[in-house]
């Protein structure tokens, strides 16, 4: 099951890059939650309506936002740690993220589908959140 979970993450990242909302939702449980670094301000994106809002927010903020999956590792059954890099430019500011900023996502899966995503801008913080250290 561990490789299958990593493959779900690969499909989900591909769906984000393709702006394929239905493809992304197909990788998720109905009660999906996305916790971003700005969740304390904008809240958690939850359920299909939250995911639609998240896709819309991505398009509004950075229409060329892309994720590059470096690797996805199953760290225990139902949990995958994904090391990614982000590129894109701000729609309003025009600021470009061309240095492929590293981020780390923690994916919790239930029945082979993503139930929760926690996005960390600091890789060490992500590792600590799952009880690992680099």
C-alpha atoms as a PDB file:
ATOM      1  CA  UNK A   1       0.000   0.000   0.000  1.00  0.00           C
ATOM      2  CA  UNK A   2       2.920   2.374   0.607  1.00  0.00           C
ATOM      3  CA  UNK A   3       3.812   2.740  -3.100  1.00  0.00           C
ATOM      4  CA  UNK A   4       0.132   3.163  -3.954  1.00  0.00           C
ATOM      5  CA  UNK A   5      -0.133   6.050  -1.483  1.00  0.00           C
ATOM      6  CA  UNK A   6       2.899   7.750  -3.016  1.00  0.00           C
ATOM      7  CA  UNK A   7       1.302   7.322  -6.461  1.00  0.00           C
ATOM      8  CA  UNK A   8      -1.865   9.063  -5.212  1.00  0.00           C
ATOM      9  CA  UNK A   9       0.310  12.021  -4.180  1.00  0.00           C
ATOM     10  CA  UNK A  10       1.984  12.054  -7.602  1.00  0.00           C
ATOM     11  CA  UNK A  11      -1.448  12.123  -9.299  1.00  0.00           C
ATOM     12  CA  UNK A  12      -2.656  14.891  -6.967  1.00  0.00           C
ATOM     13  CA  UNK A  13       0.403  17.061  -7.686  1.00  0.00           C
ATOM     14  CA  UNK A  14      -0.112  16.485 -11.412  1.00  0.00           C
ATOM     15  CA  UNK A  15      -3.750  17.542 -11.055  1.00  0.00           C
ATOM     16  CA  UNK A  16      -2.733  20.765  -9.276  1.00  0.00           C
ATOM     17  CA  UNK A  17      -0.281  21.610 -12.055  1.00  0.00           C
ATOM     18  CA  UNK A  18      -2.904  20.848 -14.717  1.00  0.00           C
ATOM     19  CA  UNK A  19      -5.556  22.810 -12.755  1.00  0.00           C
ATOM     20  CA  UNK A  20      -7.645  19.632 -12.907  1.00  0.00           C
ATOM     21  CA  UNK A  21     -10.057  20.100 -10.006  1.00  0.00           C
ATOM     22  CA  UNK A  22     -11.959  16.871 -10.682  1.00  0.00           C
ATOM     23  CA  UNK A  23      -8.717  14.921 -10.979  1.00  0.00           C
ATOM     24  CA  UNK A  24      -7.553  16.330  -7.652  1.00  0.00           C
ATOM     25  CA  UNK A  25     -10.846  15.581  -5.926  1.00  0.00           C
ATOM     26  CA  UNK A  26     -10.689  12.007  -7.259  1.00  0.00           C
ATOM     27  CA  UNK A  27      -7.528  11.599  -5.128  1.00  0.00           C
ATOM     28  CA  UNK A  28      -9.286  12.840  -1.980  1.00  0.00           C
ATOM     29  CA  UNK A  29     -11.814  11.748   0.613  1.00  0.00           C
ATOM     30  CA  UNK A  30     -15.040  13.806   0.793  1.00  0.00           C
ATOM     31  CA  UNK A  31     -13.848  15.429   4.044  1.00  0.00           C
ATOM     32  CA  UNK A  32     -10.478  16.530   2.633  1.00  0.00           C
ATOM     33  CA  UNK A  33      -8.682  19.344   4.478  1.00  0.00           C
ATOM     34  CA  UNK A  34      -5.785  21.500   3.285  1.00  0.00           C
ATOM     35  CA  UNK A  35      -3.871  23.358   5.983  1.00  0.00           C
ATOM     36  CA  UNK A  36      -1.679  26.072   4.478  1.00  0.00           C
ATOM     37  CA  UNK A  37       0.869  28.260   6.271  1.00  0.00           C
ATOM     38  CA  UNK A  38      -1.784  31.010   6.131  1.00  0.00           C
ATOM     39  CA  UNK A  39      -4.570  28.897   7.674  1.00  0.00           C
ATOM     40  CA  UNK A  40      -4.597  31.100  10.773  1.00  0.00           C
ATOM     41  CA  UNK A  41      -5.611  34.000   8.508  1.00  0.00           C
ATOM     42  CA  UNK A  42      -7.695  32.422   5.743  1.00  0.00           C
ATOM     43  CA  UNK A  43      -8.787  29.239   7.455  1.00  0.00           C
ATOM     44  CA  UNK A  44      -8.541  25.631   6.429  1.00  0.00           C
ATOM     45  CA  UNK A  45      -9.748  24.569   2.996  1.00  0.00           C
ATOM     46  CA  UNK A  46     -12.159  21.731   3.704  1.00  0.00           C
ATOM     47  CA  UNK A  47     -14.395  19.524   1.626  1.00  0.00           C
ATOM     48  CA  UNK A  48     -14.961  19.807  -2.119  1.00  0.00           C
ATOM     49  CA  UNK A  49     -16.082  23.443  -1.827  1.00  0.00           C
ATOM     50  CA  UNK A  50     -12.896  24.293   0.074  1.00  0.00           C
ATOM     51  CA  UNK A  51     -10.788  22.599  -2.593  1.00  0.00           C
ATOM     52  CA  UNK A  52     -12.595  24.613  -5.290  1.00  0.00           C
ATOM     53  CA  UNK A  53     -11.765  27.769  -3.306  1.00  0.00           C
ATOM     54  CA  UNK A  54      -8.125  26.639  -2.970  1.00  0.00           C
ATOM     55  CA  UNK A  55      -7.832  26.098  -6.738  1.00  0.00           C
ATOM     56  CA  UNK A  56      -9.425  29.513  -7.323  1.00  0.00           C
ATOM     57  CA  UNK A  57      -7.069  31.149  -4.821  1.00  0.00           C
ATOM     58  CA  UNK A  58      -4.066  29.547  -6.549  1.00  0.00           C
ATOM     59  CA  UNK A  59      -5.203  30.915  -9.895  1.00  0.00           C
ATOM     60  CA  UNK A  60      -5.882  34.373  -8.442  1.00  0.00           C
ATOM     61  CA  UNK A  61      -2.547  34.659  -6.669  1.00  0.00           C
ATOM     62  CA  UNK A  62      -0.248  32.943  -9.155  1.00  0.00           C
ATOM     63  CA  UNK A  63      -1.669  31.730 -12.447  1.00  0.00           C
ATOM     64  CA  UNK A  64       1.607  29.998 -13.320  1.00  0.00           C
ATOM     65  CA  UNK A  65       2.007  28.364  -9.876  1.00  0.00           C
ATOM     66  CA  UNK A  66       3.597  24.924 -10.246  1.00  0.00           C
ATOM     67  CA  UNK A  67       4.725  22.177  -7.955  1.00  0.00           C
ATOM     68  CA  UNK A  68       7.721  19.979  -8.671  1.00  0.00           C
ATOM     69  CA  UNK A  69       7.637  16.758  -6.687  1.00  0.00           C
ATOM     70  CA  UNK A  70      11.179  15.856  -5.617  1.00  0.00           C
ATOM     71  CA  UNK A  71      10.137  12.720  -3.785  1.00  0.00           C
ATOM     72  CA  UNK A  72       7.278  11.231  -1.812  1.00  0.00           C
ATOM     73  CA  UNK A  73       8.042   8.871   1.057  1.00  0.00           C
ATOM     74  CA  UNK A  74       5.614   6.793   3.051  1.00  0.00           C
ATOM     75  CA  UNK A  75       6.662   7.342   6.655  1.00  0.00           C
ATOM     76  CA  UNK A  76       3.990   5.104   8.144  1.00  0.00           C
ATOM     77  CA  UNK A  77       0.788   3.517   6.873  1.00  0.00           C
ATOM     78  CA  UNK A  78      -1.530   6.299   5.801  1.00  0.00           C
ATOM     79  CA  UNK A  79       1.051   9.089   5.960  1.00  0.00           C
ATOM     80  CA  UNK A  80       3.253  10.374   3.148  1.00  0.00           C
ATOM     81  CA  UNK A  81       5.905  13.057   3.403  1.00  0.00           C
ATOM     82  CA  UNK A  82       6.397  14.901   0.109  1.00  0.00           C
ATOM     83  CA  UNK A  83       9.334  17.137  -0.682  1.00  0.00           C
ATOM     84  CA  UNK A  84       8.372  19.677  -3.341  1.00  0.00           C
ATOM     85  CA  UNK A  85       9.549  22.869  -4.976  1.00  0.00           C
ATOM     86  CA  UNK A  86       7.288  25.763  -5.930  1.00  0.00           C
ATOM     87  CA  UNK A  87       7.667  28.102  -8.869  1.00  0.00           C
ATOM     88  CA  UNK A  88       5.417  30.852 -10.163  1.00  0.00           C
ATOM     89  CA  UNK A  89       4.802  34.564 -10.193  1.00  0.00           C
ATOM     90  CA  UNK A  90       2.330  36.768  -8.408  1.00  0.00           C
ATOM     91  CA  UNK A  91      -0.555  37.988 -10.549  1.00  0.00           C
ATOM     92  CA  UNK A  92      -0.691  41.397  -8.879  1.00  0.00           C
ATOM     93  CA  UNK A  93       2.889  41.874  -7.741  1.00  0.00           C
ATOM     94  CA  UNK A  94       4.599  40.254 -10.704  1.00  0.00           C
ATOM     95  CA  UNK A  95       7.147  38.870  -8.234  1.00  0.00           C
ATOM     96  CA  UNK A  96       8.587  35.636  -9.509  1.00  0.00           C
ATOM     97  CA  UNK A  97       9.498  32.598  -7.495  1.00  0.00           C
ATOM     98  CA  UNK A  98      12.128  31.267  -9.845  1.00  0.00           C
ATOM     99  CA  UNK A  99      14.429  29.655  -7.319  1.00  0.00           C
ATOM    100  CA  UNK A 100      12.053  26.701  -6.896  1.00  0.00           C
ATOM    101  CA  UNK A 101      11.289  27.382  -3.253  1.00  0.00           C
ATOM    102  CA  UNK A 102      11.318  24.160  -1.209  1.00  0.00           C
ATOM    103  CA  UNK A 103       8.207  23.164   0.693  1.00  0.00           C
ATOM    104  CA  UNK A 104       7.228  19.977   2.459  1.00  0.00           C
ATOM    105  CA  UNK A 105       3.726  18.564   2.591  1.00  0.00           C
ATOM    106  CA  UNK A 106       2.425  15.961   4.991  1.00  0.00           C
ATOM    107  CA  UNK A 107      -0.378  13.903   3.468  1.00  0.00           C
ATOM    108  CA  UNK A 108      -2.685  11.751   5.576  1.00  0.00           C
ATOM    109  CA  UNK A 109      -4.548   9.099   3.608  1.00  0.00           C
ATOM    110  CA  UNK A 110      -7.568   6.960   4.385  1.00  0.00           C
ATOM    111  CA  UNK A 111      -8.455   4.063   2.130  1.00  0.00           C
ATOM    112  CA  UNK A 112      -5.912   5.178  -0.460  1.00  0.00           C
ATOM    113  CA  UNK A 113      -7.281   8.723  -0.683  1.00  0.00           C
ATOM    114  CA  UNK A 114      -5.944  11.993   0.726  1.00  0.00           C
ATOM    115  CA  UNK A 115      -7.866  13.138   3.811  1.00  0.00           C
ATOM    116  CA  UNK A 116      -5.570  15.935   5.004  1.00  0.00           C
ATOM    117  CA  UNK A 117      -2.688  17.968   3.614  1.00  0.00           C
ATOM    118  CA  UNK A 118      -0.444  20.076   5.816  1.00  0.00           C
ATOM    119  CA  UNK A 119       1.826  22.455   3.901  1.00  0.00           C
ATOM    120  CA  UNK A 120       5.066  23.608   5.526  1.00  0.00           C
ATOM    121  CA  UNK A 121       7.375  26.299   4.219  1.00  0.00           C
ATOM    122  CA  UNK A 122      10.096  25.016   6.564  1.00  0.00           C
ATOM    123  CA  UNK A 123      11.209  21.428   5.969  1.00  0.00           C
ATOM    124  CA  UNK A 124      12.537  20.987   9.492  1.00  0.00           C
ATOM    125  CA  UNK A 125       9.170  22.061  10.897  1.00  0.00           C
ATOM    126  CA  UNK A 126       7.440  19.427   8.743  1.00  0.00           C
ATOM    127  CA  UNK A 127       9.826  16.739   9.922  1.00  0.00           C
ATOM    128  CA  UNK A 128       9.254  17.722  13.537  1.00  0.00           C
ATOM    129  CA  UNK A 129       5.469  17.691  12.972  1.00  0.00           C
ATOM    130  CA  UNK A 130       5.663  13.997  12.066  1.00  0.00           C
ATOM    131  CA  UNK A 131       8.215  13.063  14.720  1.00  0.00           C
ATOM    132  CA  UNK A 132      11.251  12.924  12.445  1.00  0.00           C
ATOM    133  CA  UNK A 133      14.389  14.992  12.297  1.00  0.00           C
ATOM    134  CA  UNK A 134      16.717  15.518   9.378  1.00  0.00           C
END
